[in-house]
C-alpha atoms as a PDB file:
ATOM      1  CA  MET A   1      20.607  -8.901  -5.513  1.00  0.00           C
ATOM      2  CA  ARG A   2      18.718  -6.034  -7.093  1.00  0.00           C
ATOM      3  CA  LYS A   3      16.181  -3.955  -5.261  1.00  0.00           C
ATOM      4  CA  ARG A   4      12.578  -4.752  -6.095  1.00  0.00           C
ATOM      5  CA  GLN A   5      10.589  -2.022  -7.791  1.00  0.00           C
ATOM      6  CA  LEU A   6       7.298  -0.704  -6.468  1.00  0.00           C
ATOM      7  CA  SER A   7       4.218  -1.580  -8.481  1.00  0.00           C
ATOM      8  CA  PRO A   8       1.959   1.264  -9.728  1.00  0.00           C
ATOM      9  CA  LEU A   9      -0.180   0.636  -6.631  1.00  0.00           C
ATOM     10  CA  GLY A  10       2.929   0.723  -4.463  1.00  0.00           C
ATOM     11  CA  MET A  11       4.034   4.037  -5.975  1.00  0.00           C
ATOM     12  CA  ALA A  12       0.628   5.642  -5.349  1.00  0.00           C
ATOM     13  CA  VAL A  13       0.513   4.374  -1.755  1.00  0.00           C
ATOM     14  CA  LYS A  14       4.123   5.416  -1.063  1.00  0.00           C
ATOM     15  CA  MET A  15       3.510   8.941  -2.377  1.00  0.00           C
ATOM     16  CA  ARG A  16       0.386   9.241  -0.232  1.00  0.00           C
ATOM     17  CA  LEU A  17       2.252   7.963   2.841  1.00  0.00           C
ATOM     18  CA  ILE A  18       4.774  10.768   2.368  1.00  0.00           C
ATOM     19  CA  GLU A  19       1.969  13.336   1.932  1.00  0.00           C
ATOM     20  CA  VAL A  20       0.231  12.306   5.168  1.00  0.00           C
ATOM     21  CA  GLY A  21       3.433  11.698   7.126  1.00  0.00           C
ATOM     22  CA  LYS A  22       2.954   8.000   7.867  1.00  0.00           C
ATOM     23  CA  THR A  23       5.351   5.088   7.609  1.00  0.00           C
ATOM     24  CA  GLN A  24       4.662   1.732   5.980  1.00  0.00           C
ATOM     25  CA  VAL A  25       4.869   0.115   9.413  1.00  0.00           C
ATOM     26  CA  GLU A  26       2.217   2.490  10.800  1.00  0.00           C
ATOM     27  CA  LEU A  27      -0.037   1.791   7.817  1.00  0.00           C
ATOM     28  CA  ALA A  28       0.443  -1.970   8.173  1.00  0.00           C
ATOM     29  CA  LYS A  29      -0.592  -1.844  11.849  1.00  0.00           C
ATOM     30  CA  GLU A  30      -3.579   0.330  10.996  1.00  0.00           C
ATOM     31  CA  ILE A  31      -4.887  -2.079   8.342  1.00  0.00           C
ATOM     32  CA  GLY A  32      -4.140  -5.200  10.383  1.00  0.00           C
ATOM     33  CA  THR A  33      -1.217  -6.797   8.585  1.00  0.00           C
ATOM     34  CA  SER A  34       2.552  -7.037   8.958  1.00  0.00           C
ATOM     35  CA  GLY A  35       5.007  -4.594   7.474  1.00  0.00           C
ATOM     36  CA  LYS A  36       6.481  -7.449   5.438  1.00  0.00           C
ATOM     37  CA  TYR A  37       3.116  -8.392   3.911  1.00  0.00           C
ATOM     38  CA  LEU A  38       2.355  -4.746   3.093  1.00  0.00           C
ATOM     39  CA  HIS A  39       5.758  -4.559   1.382  1.00  0.00           C
ATOM     40  CA  LEU A  40       4.859  -7.608  -0.743  1.00  0.00           C
ATOM     41  CA  ILE A  41       1.620  -5.876  -1.761  1.00  0.00           C
ATOM     42  CA  LEU A  42       3.478  -2.675  -2.686  1.00  0.00           C
ATOM     43  CA  ILE A  43       5.992  -4.494  -4.895  1.00  0.00           C
ATOM     44  CA  GLY A  44       3.245  -6.526  -6.550  1.00  0.00           C
ATOM     45  CA  GLU A  45       4.125  -9.957  -5.156  1.00  0.00           C
ATOM     46  CA  ARG A  46       0.739 -10.174  -3.400  1.00  0.00           C
ATOM     47  CA  SER A  47      -2.515  -8.774  -4.779  1.00  0.00           C
ATOM     48  CA  GLY A  48      -3.641  -7.366  -1.451  1.00  0.00           C
ATOM     49  CA  ARG A  49      -7.227  -7.296  -2.707  1.00  0.00           C
ATOM     50  CA  THR A  50      -8.664  -7.625   0.803  1.00  0.00           C
ATOM     51  CA  PHE A  51      -6.468  -4.783   2.055  1.00  0.00           C
ATOM     52  CA  ILE A  52      -7.030  -2.249  -0.742  1.00  0.00           C
ATOM     53  CA  PRO A  53     -10.230  -0.785   0.807  1.00  0.00           C
ATOM     54  CA  LYS A  54      -8.485  -0.550   4.196  1.00  0.00           C
ATOM     55  CA  ILE A  55      -5.401   1.088   2.670  1.00  0.00           C
ATOM     56  CA  ALA A  56      -7.608   3.582   0.820  1.00  0.00           C
ATOM     57  CA  GLN A  57      -9.545   4.434   3.966  1.00  0.00           C
ATOM     58  CA  ALA A  58      -6.432   4.800   6.116  1.00  0.00           C
ATOM     59  CA  LEU A  59      -4.840   7.150   3.591  1.00  0.00           C
ATOM     60  CA  GLY A  60      -7.963   9.054   2.523  1.00  0.00           C
ATOM     61  CA  MET A  61      -7.771   7.736  -1.030  1.00  0.00           C
ATOM     62  CA  SER A  62     -10.430   6.455  -3.409  1.00  0.00           C
ATOM     63  CA  PRO A  63     -10.738   2.638  -3.215  1.00  0.00           C
ATOM     64  CA  ASP A  64     -11.856   2.610  -6.868  1.00  0.00           C
ATOM     65  CA  LYS A  65      -8.768   4.497  -7.972  1.00  0.00           C
ATOM     66  CA  LEU A  66      -6.501   2.112  -6.042  1.00  0.00           C
ATOM     67  CA  ASP A  67      -8.369  -0.905  -7.355  1.00  0.00           C
ATOM     68  CA  LYS A  68      -7.857   0.241 -10.946  1.00  0.00           C
ATOM     69  CA  ILE A  69      -4.097   0.555 -10.590  1.00  0.00           C
ATOM     70  CA  ALA A  70      -3.682  -2.587  -8.478  1.00  0.00           C
END
């Protein structure tokens, strides 16, 4: 089984998580979803449209920028 690749959105979020020193699990709790669902958003298996503004806010990113790459 090959490892799933991050989507462009997933790459941007992952890089920002590293910059701010947060884990995916911490972000998931902060935005009100499970770590598994956040993972599905980051690999592009779920759109995560309802979570994009929350992700942007939690990470201090522009929601418009995230929306464009989602």
